Structure formats: C-alpha cells, structure tokens
Amino acid sequence: MDKQVQTKEQTQSSAGTIYAIGGILGALVGLIAAYIVAKNYESGSDKEFNAGTGVKLGLAVMGLLRILAG
C-alpha cells in the first residue's frame, strides 16, 4: 500500500514539474514571437499580420503539439 501512495505522489509531483516547465517555455516562445512581430512592425516591412496569417500560425502550432504528444 505504501508503494502505491508513494508512486502516486511522485506522479503528481512530476506532472506539476512538467506543467511548470511547459508554462515557462510557452511564455518564452510567446515573448520571442512578440519581439519578432514588433521588429517587423518597426522596420516598416510590407508583410502584414492579419487574421488569415493568425489562423495558419495557430494550426501550425496545433500540428506541432500533436506531433509532440503522440
């Protein structure tokens, strides 16, 4: 019985660590993306970030997450 309790606690602990690392990495990726968009805007680039581009980017990220998960 003790072994089951210990294993469950370890699993919960490692899940919390995974969530924390994932949250930090997600925040860093978001900051880098914002920096790139801001630099493009400042440079006067003709490329616009519109709704269609946002949808394509979102779908690409979802595809990447699906690959990583499975």
C-alpha atoms as a PDB file:
ATOM      1  CA  MET A   1       0.000   0.000   0.000  1.00  0.00           C
ATOM      2  CA  ASP A   2       2.827   2.364   0.871  1.00  0.00           C
ATOM      3  CA  LYS A   3       4.377   1.779  -2.532  1.00  0.00           C
ATOM      4  CA  GLN A   4       1.152   2.792  -4.301  1.00  0.00           C
ATOM      5  CA  VAL A   5       0.852   6.002  -2.308  1.00  0.00           C
ATOM      6  CA  GLN A   6       4.472   6.910  -2.928  1.00  0.00           C
ATOM      7  CA  THR A   7       4.150   6.249  -6.649  1.00  0.00           C
ATOM      8  CA  LYS A   8       1.008   8.392  -6.879  1.00  0.00           C
ATOM      9  CA  GLU A   9       2.745  11.266  -5.055  1.00  0.00           C
ATOM     10  CA  GLN A  10       5.745  11.006  -7.367  1.00  0.00           C
ATOM     11  CA  THR A  11       3.470  11.055 -10.408  1.00  0.00           C
ATOM     12  CA  GLN A  12       1.667  14.163  -9.170  1.00  0.00           C
ATOM     13  CA  SER A  13       4.984  15.839  -8.409  1.00  0.00           C
ATOM     14  CA  SER A  14       6.391  15.097 -11.855  1.00  0.00           C
ATOM     15  CA  ALA A  15       3.164  16.271 -13.514  1.00  0.00           C
ATOM     16  CA  GLY A  16       3.446  19.588 -11.674  1.00  0.00           C
ATOM     17  CA  THR A  17       7.046  19.942 -12.827  1.00  0.00           C
ATOM     18  CA  ILE A  18       6.055  19.222 -16.410  1.00  0.00           C
ATOM     19  CA  TYR A  19       3.290  21.867 -16.245  1.00  0.00           C
ATOM     20  CA  ALA A  20       5.697  24.419 -14.788  1.00  0.00           C
ATOM     21  CA  ILE A  21       8.352  23.775 -17.433  1.00  0.00           C
ATOM     22  CA  GLY A  22       5.734  23.836 -20.196  1.00  0.00           C
ATOM     23  CA  GLY A  23       4.321  27.120 -18.918  1.00  0.00           C
ATOM     24  CA  ILE A  24       7.739  28.741 -18.784  1.00  0.00           C
ATOM     25  CA  LEU A  25       8.654  27.510 -22.267  1.00  0.00           C
ATOM     26  CA  GLY A  26       5.310  28.704 -23.632  1.00  0.00           C
ATOM     27  CA  ALA A  27       5.827  32.139 -22.121  1.00  0.00           C
ATOM     28  CA  LEU A  28       9.319  32.361 -23.620  1.00  0.00           C
ATOM     29  CA  VAL A  29       8.082  31.358 -27.065  1.00  0.00           C
ATOM     30  CA  GLY A  30       5.316  33.965 -26.797  1.00  0.00           C
ATOM     31  CA  LEU A  31       7.794  36.678 -25.846  1.00  0.00           C
ATOM     32  CA  ILE A  32      10.077  35.769 -28.740  1.00  0.00           C
ATOM     33  CA  ALA A  33       7.130  35.849 -31.161  1.00  0.00           C
ATOM     34  CA  ALA A  34       6.050  39.256 -29.851  1.00  0.00           C
ATOM     35  CA  TYR A  35       9.602  40.556 -30.255  1.00  0.00           C
ATOM     36  CA  ILE A  36       9.737  39.355 -33.880  1.00  0.00           C
ATOM     37  CA  VAL A  37       6.365  40.916 -34.704  1.00  0.00           C
ATOM     38  CA  ALA A  38       7.391  44.206 -33.057  1.00  0.00           C
ATOM     39  CA  LYS A  39      10.682  44.269 -35.003  1.00  0.00           C
ATOM     40  CA  ASN A  40       8.815  43.657 -38.278  1.00  0.00           C
ATOM     41  CA  TYR A  41       6.436  46.492 -37.464  1.00  0.00           C
ATOM     42  CA  GLU A  42       9.286  48.886 -36.601  1.00  0.00           C
ATOM     43  CA  SER A  43      11.223  48.070 -39.762  1.00  0.00           C
ATOM     44  CA  GLY A  44       8.241  49.064 -41.896  1.00  0.00           C
ATOM     45  CA  SER A  45       8.014  45.677 -43.510  1.00  0.00           C
ATOM     46  CA  ASP A  46       5.244  45.285 -46.101  1.00  0.00           C
ATOM     47  CA  LYS A  47       4.204  41.972 -44.607  1.00  0.00           C
ATOM     48  CA  GLU A  48       1.042  42.304 -42.571  1.00  0.00           C
ATOM     49  CA  PHE A  49      -0.137  40.034 -39.804  1.00  0.00           C
ATOM     50  CA  ASN A  50      -3.837  39.524 -40.489  1.00  0.00           C
ATOM     51  CA  ALA A  51      -6.489  37.050 -39.374  1.00  0.00           C
ATOM     52  CA  GLY A  52      -5.611  34.512 -42.073  1.00  0.00           C
ATOM     53  CA  THR A  53      -1.972  34.512 -41.026  1.00  0.00           C
ATOM     54  CA  GLY A  54      -3.018  34.070 -37.398  1.00  0.00           C
ATOM     55  CA  VAL A  55      -5.194  31.069 -38.248  1.00  0.00           C
ATOM     56  CA  LYS A  56      -2.380  29.467 -40.262  1.00  0.00           C
ATOM     57  CA  LEU A  57       0.058  30.031 -37.424  1.00  0.00           C
ATOM     58  CA  GLY A  58      -2.382  28.614 -34.864  1.00  0.00           C
ATOM     59  CA  LEU A  59      -2.958  25.491 -36.934  1.00  0.00           C
ATOM     60  CA  ALA A  60       0.792  25.026 -37.377  1.00  0.00           C
ATOM     61  CA  VAL A  61       1.303  25.230 -33.613  1.00  0.00           C
ATOM     62  CA  MET A  62      -1.521  22.744 -33.015  1.00  0.00           C
ATOM     63  CA  GLY A  63       0.081  20.362 -35.525  1.00  0.00           C
ATOM     64  CA  LEU A  64       3.420  20.668 -33.750  1.00  0.00           C
ATOM     65  CA  LEU A  65       1.793  19.951 -30.388  1.00  0.00           C
ATOM     66  CA  ARG A  66       0.023  16.924 -31.861  1.00  0.00           C
ATOM     67  CA  ILE A  67       3.367  15.581 -33.115  1.00  0.00           C
ATOM     68  CA  LEU A  68       4.990  16.114 -29.727  1.00  0.00           C
ATOM     69  CA  ALA A  69       2.114  14.469 -27.870  1.00  0.00           C
ATOM     70  CA  GLY A  70       1.793  11.395 -29.992  1.00  0.00           C
END
